[in-house]
N, C-alpha and C. Protein backbone atom coordinates (compact mmCIF):
# COMPACT_ATOMS: atom_id res chain seq x y z
N MET A 1 0.82 -1.19 0.00
CA MET A 1 0.00 0.00 0.00
C MET A 1 0.87 1.26 0.00
N LYS A 2 2.01 1.17 0.71
CA LYS A 2 2.90 2.32 0.76
C LYS A 2 3.46 2.64 -0.61
N SER A 3 3.81 1.61 -1.38
CA SER A 3 4.40 1.84 -2.69
C SER A 3 3.40 2.51 -3.63
N ILE A 4 2.14 2.16 -3.53
CA ILE A 4 1.12 2.82 -4.36
C ILE A 4 1.05 4.30 -4.01
N PHE A 5 1.11 4.61 -2.74
CA PHE A 5 1.10 6.01 -2.31
C PHE A 5 2.29 6.76 -2.89
N TYR A 6 3.47 6.14 -2.85
CA TYR A 6 4.67 6.79 -3.38
C TYR A 6 4.57 6.98 -4.89
N TYR A 7 4.06 5.98 -5.61
CA TYR A 7 3.91 6.11 -7.06
C TYR A 7 2.94 7.22 -7.42
N VAL A 8 1.83 7.27 -6.72
CA VAL A 8 0.83 8.31 -7.00
C VAL A 8 1.38 9.69 -6.67
N THR A 9 2.03 9.82 -5.53
CA THR A 9 2.60 11.11 -5.13
C THR A 9 3.66 11.57 -6.12
N THR A 10 4.53 10.68 -6.52
CA THR A 10 5.57 11.02 -7.48
C THR A 10 4.96 11.40 -8.82
N SER A 11 3.96 10.67 -9.25
CA SER A 11 3.31 10.97 -10.52
C SER A 11 2.66 12.35 -10.50
N VAL A 12 2.01 12.68 -9.41
CA VAL A 12 1.35 13.99 -9.30
C VAL A 12 2.39 15.11 -9.31
N VAL A 13 3.48 14.94 -8.60
CA VAL A 13 4.53 15.96 -8.57
C VAL A 13 5.14 16.15 -9.96
N VAL A 14 5.44 15.05 -10.63
CA VAL A 14 6.01 15.14 -11.98
C VAL A 14 5.01 15.79 -12.93
N PHE A 15 3.76 15.41 -12.83
CA PHE A 15 2.72 15.98 -13.70
C PHE A 15 2.64 17.49 -13.55
N PHE A 16 2.56 17.97 -12.30
CA PHE A 16 2.46 19.41 -12.09
C PHE A 16 3.76 20.13 -12.45
N GLY A 17 4.88 19.46 -12.27
CA GLY A 17 6.14 20.04 -12.70
C GLY A 17 6.19 20.24 -14.21
N LEU A 18 5.73 19.24 -14.94
CA LEU A 18 5.70 19.36 -16.39
C LEU A 18 4.71 20.43 -16.85
N ILE A 19 3.60 20.53 -16.16
CA ILE A 19 2.64 21.59 -16.49
C ILE A 19 3.26 22.96 -16.24
N ALA A 20 4.00 23.10 -15.16
CA ALA A 20 4.65 24.38 -14.87
C ALA A 20 5.66 24.75 -15.94
N VAL A 21 6.47 23.80 -16.36
CA VAL A 21 7.45 24.07 -17.41
C VAL A 21 6.76 24.39 -18.72
N ALA A 22 5.70 23.65 -19.05
CA ALA A 22 4.97 23.89 -20.30
C ALA A 22 4.32 25.27 -20.30
N SER A 23 3.79 25.69 -19.15
CA SER A 23 3.16 27.01 -19.09
C SER A 23 4.19 28.12 -19.21
N LEU A 24 5.38 27.91 -18.67
CA LEU A 24 6.44 28.91 -18.81
C LEU A 24 6.88 29.03 -20.26
N VAL A 25 6.98 27.91 -20.94
CA VAL A 25 7.37 27.92 -22.36
C VAL A 25 6.28 28.58 -23.18
N ALA A 26 5.02 28.27 -22.89
CA ALA A 26 3.90 28.85 -23.64
C ALA A 26 3.79 30.36 -23.40
N ALA A 27 4.22 30.81 -22.24
CA ALA A 27 4.15 32.23 -21.92
C ALA A 27 5.30 33.01 -22.54
N GLY A 28 6.20 32.31 -23.22
CA GLY A 28 7.29 32.99 -23.88
C GLY A 28 8.56 33.06 -23.06
N TRP A 29 8.57 32.41 -21.91
CA TRP A 29 9.78 32.39 -21.09
C TRP A 29 10.78 31.50 -21.79
N ASN A 30 11.94 32.02 -22.07
CA ASN A 30 12.92 31.29 -22.86
C ASN A 30 13.60 30.23 -22.02
N THR A 31 13.11 29.01 -22.13
CA THR A 31 13.73 27.91 -21.39
C THR A 31 14.43 27.00 -22.38
N ASP A 32 15.54 26.54 -21.98
CA ASP A 32 16.29 25.59 -22.79
C ASP A 32 16.16 24.24 -22.12
N ILE A 33 15.26 23.42 -22.64
CA ILE A 33 14.98 22.12 -22.03
C ILE A 33 16.23 21.25 -22.02
N ALA A 34 17.05 21.36 -23.06
CA ALA A 34 18.28 20.56 -23.11
C ALA A 34 19.21 20.95 -21.96
N ALA A 35 19.29 22.23 -21.64
CA ALA A 35 20.15 22.68 -20.53
C ALA A 35 19.62 22.17 -19.20
N ILE A 36 18.31 22.17 -19.05
CA ILE A 36 17.70 21.66 -17.81
C ILE A 36 17.97 20.16 -17.68
N ALA A 37 17.81 19.42 -18.78
CA ALA A 37 18.07 17.98 -18.75
C ALA A 37 19.54 17.71 -18.47
N GLU A 38 20.43 18.50 -19.03
CA GLU A 38 21.86 18.33 -18.79
C GLU A 38 22.20 18.58 -17.32
N TRP A 39 21.62 19.63 -16.75
CA TRP A 39 21.87 19.94 -15.34
C TRP A 39 21.37 18.80 -14.45
N ALA A 40 20.17 18.31 -14.74
CA ALA A 40 19.60 17.23 -13.93
C ALA A 40 20.46 15.97 -14.04
N THR A 41 20.96 15.70 -15.24
CA THR A 41 21.79 14.52 -15.44
C THR A 41 23.12 14.65 -14.70
N LYS A 42 23.68 15.83 -14.71
CA LYS A 42 24.98 16.04 -14.06
C LYS A 42 24.90 16.07 -12.54
N TYR A 43 23.92 16.77 -12.01
CA TYR A 43 23.92 17.06 -10.57
C TYR A 43 22.83 16.35 -9.78
N LEU A 44 21.69 16.14 -10.36
CA LEU A 44 20.56 15.61 -9.61
C LEU A 44 20.51 14.08 -9.64
N LEU A 45 20.63 13.49 -10.80
CA LEU A 45 20.49 12.04 -10.91
C LEU A 45 21.56 11.25 -10.15
N PRO A 46 22.82 11.70 -10.11
CA PRO A 46 23.79 10.93 -9.31
C PRO A 46 23.43 10.85 -7.82
N TRP A 47 22.88 11.92 -7.28
CA TRP A 47 22.47 11.90 -5.87
C TRP A 47 21.30 10.95 -5.65
N ILE A 48 20.38 10.93 -6.60
CA ILE A 48 19.24 10.02 -6.49
C ILE A 48 19.73 8.58 -6.58
N ALA A 49 20.64 8.31 -7.51
CA ALA A 49 21.19 6.96 -7.65
C ALA A 49 21.94 6.55 -6.38
N LEU A 50 22.71 7.47 -5.81
CA LEU A 50 23.43 7.17 -4.58
C LEU A 50 22.47 6.85 -3.44
N TYR A 51 21.40 7.61 -3.31
CA TYR A 51 20.40 7.37 -2.27
C TYR A 51 19.83 5.95 -2.39
N TRP A 52 19.43 5.57 -3.61
CA TRP A 52 18.84 4.25 -3.79
C TRP A 52 19.87 3.15 -3.62
N PHE A 53 21.12 3.40 -3.99
CA PHE A 53 22.18 2.41 -3.78
C PHE A 53 22.40 2.17 -2.28
N ILE A 54 22.41 3.24 -1.50
CA ILE A 54 22.57 3.10 -0.05
C ILE A 54 21.40 2.33 0.55
N ARG A 55 20.19 2.61 0.09
CA ARG A 55 19.02 1.87 0.57
C ARG A 55 19.12 0.40 0.24
N MET A 56 19.62 0.09 -0.96
CA MET A 56 19.77 -1.30 -1.37
C MET A 56 20.79 -2.01 -0.48
N VAL A 57 21.91 -1.36 -0.20
CA VAL A 57 22.94 -1.96 0.65
C VAL A 57 22.39 -2.20 2.04
N LYS A 58 21.66 -1.25 2.59
CA LYS A 58 21.08 -1.44 3.93
C LYS A 58 20.08 -2.59 3.95
N ALA A 59 19.28 -2.72 2.88
CA ALA A 59 18.31 -3.81 2.81
C ALA A 59 19.01 -5.15 2.74
N ILE A 60 20.10 -5.22 1.97
CA ILE A 60 20.85 -6.46 1.87
C ILE A 60 21.50 -6.81 3.21
N GLU A 61 22.02 -5.80 3.91
CA GLU A 61 22.63 -6.05 5.21
C GLU A 61 21.60 -6.56 6.21
N GLN A 62 20.42 -5.95 6.22
CA GLN A 62 19.38 -6.39 7.15
C GLN A 62 18.90 -7.80 6.82
N LYS A 63 18.83 -8.10 5.53
CA LYS A 63 18.42 -9.44 5.14
C LYS A 63 19.44 -10.48 5.59
N GLY A 64 20.72 -10.12 5.53
CA GLY A 64 21.78 -11.02 5.98
C GLY A 64 21.76 -11.23 7.48
N LYS A 65 21.39 -10.21 8.23
CA LYS A 65 21.37 -10.32 9.70
C LYS A 65 20.18 -11.16 10.16
N SER A 66 19.07 -11.12 9.42
CA SER A 66 17.88 -11.87 9.86
C SER A 66 18.00 -13.35 9.60
N ASN A 67 18.90 -13.77 8.72
CA ASN A 67 19.07 -15.21 8.43
C ASN A 67 19.87 -15.88 9.46
């Protein structure tokens, strides 16, 4: 049940984020989507990957201790 909540919450946040970017572009605000994607790839995604890697290691460690 928790995972469904997380999926729905993430989907809603992404949806409204995309709407915000689309409205800024439609209003004539000069956004460079490629620059935003490059920034996210360089700085944001590695931290997200690190977070999930640490969670995976902790889950594996806990699984090993329970056996």
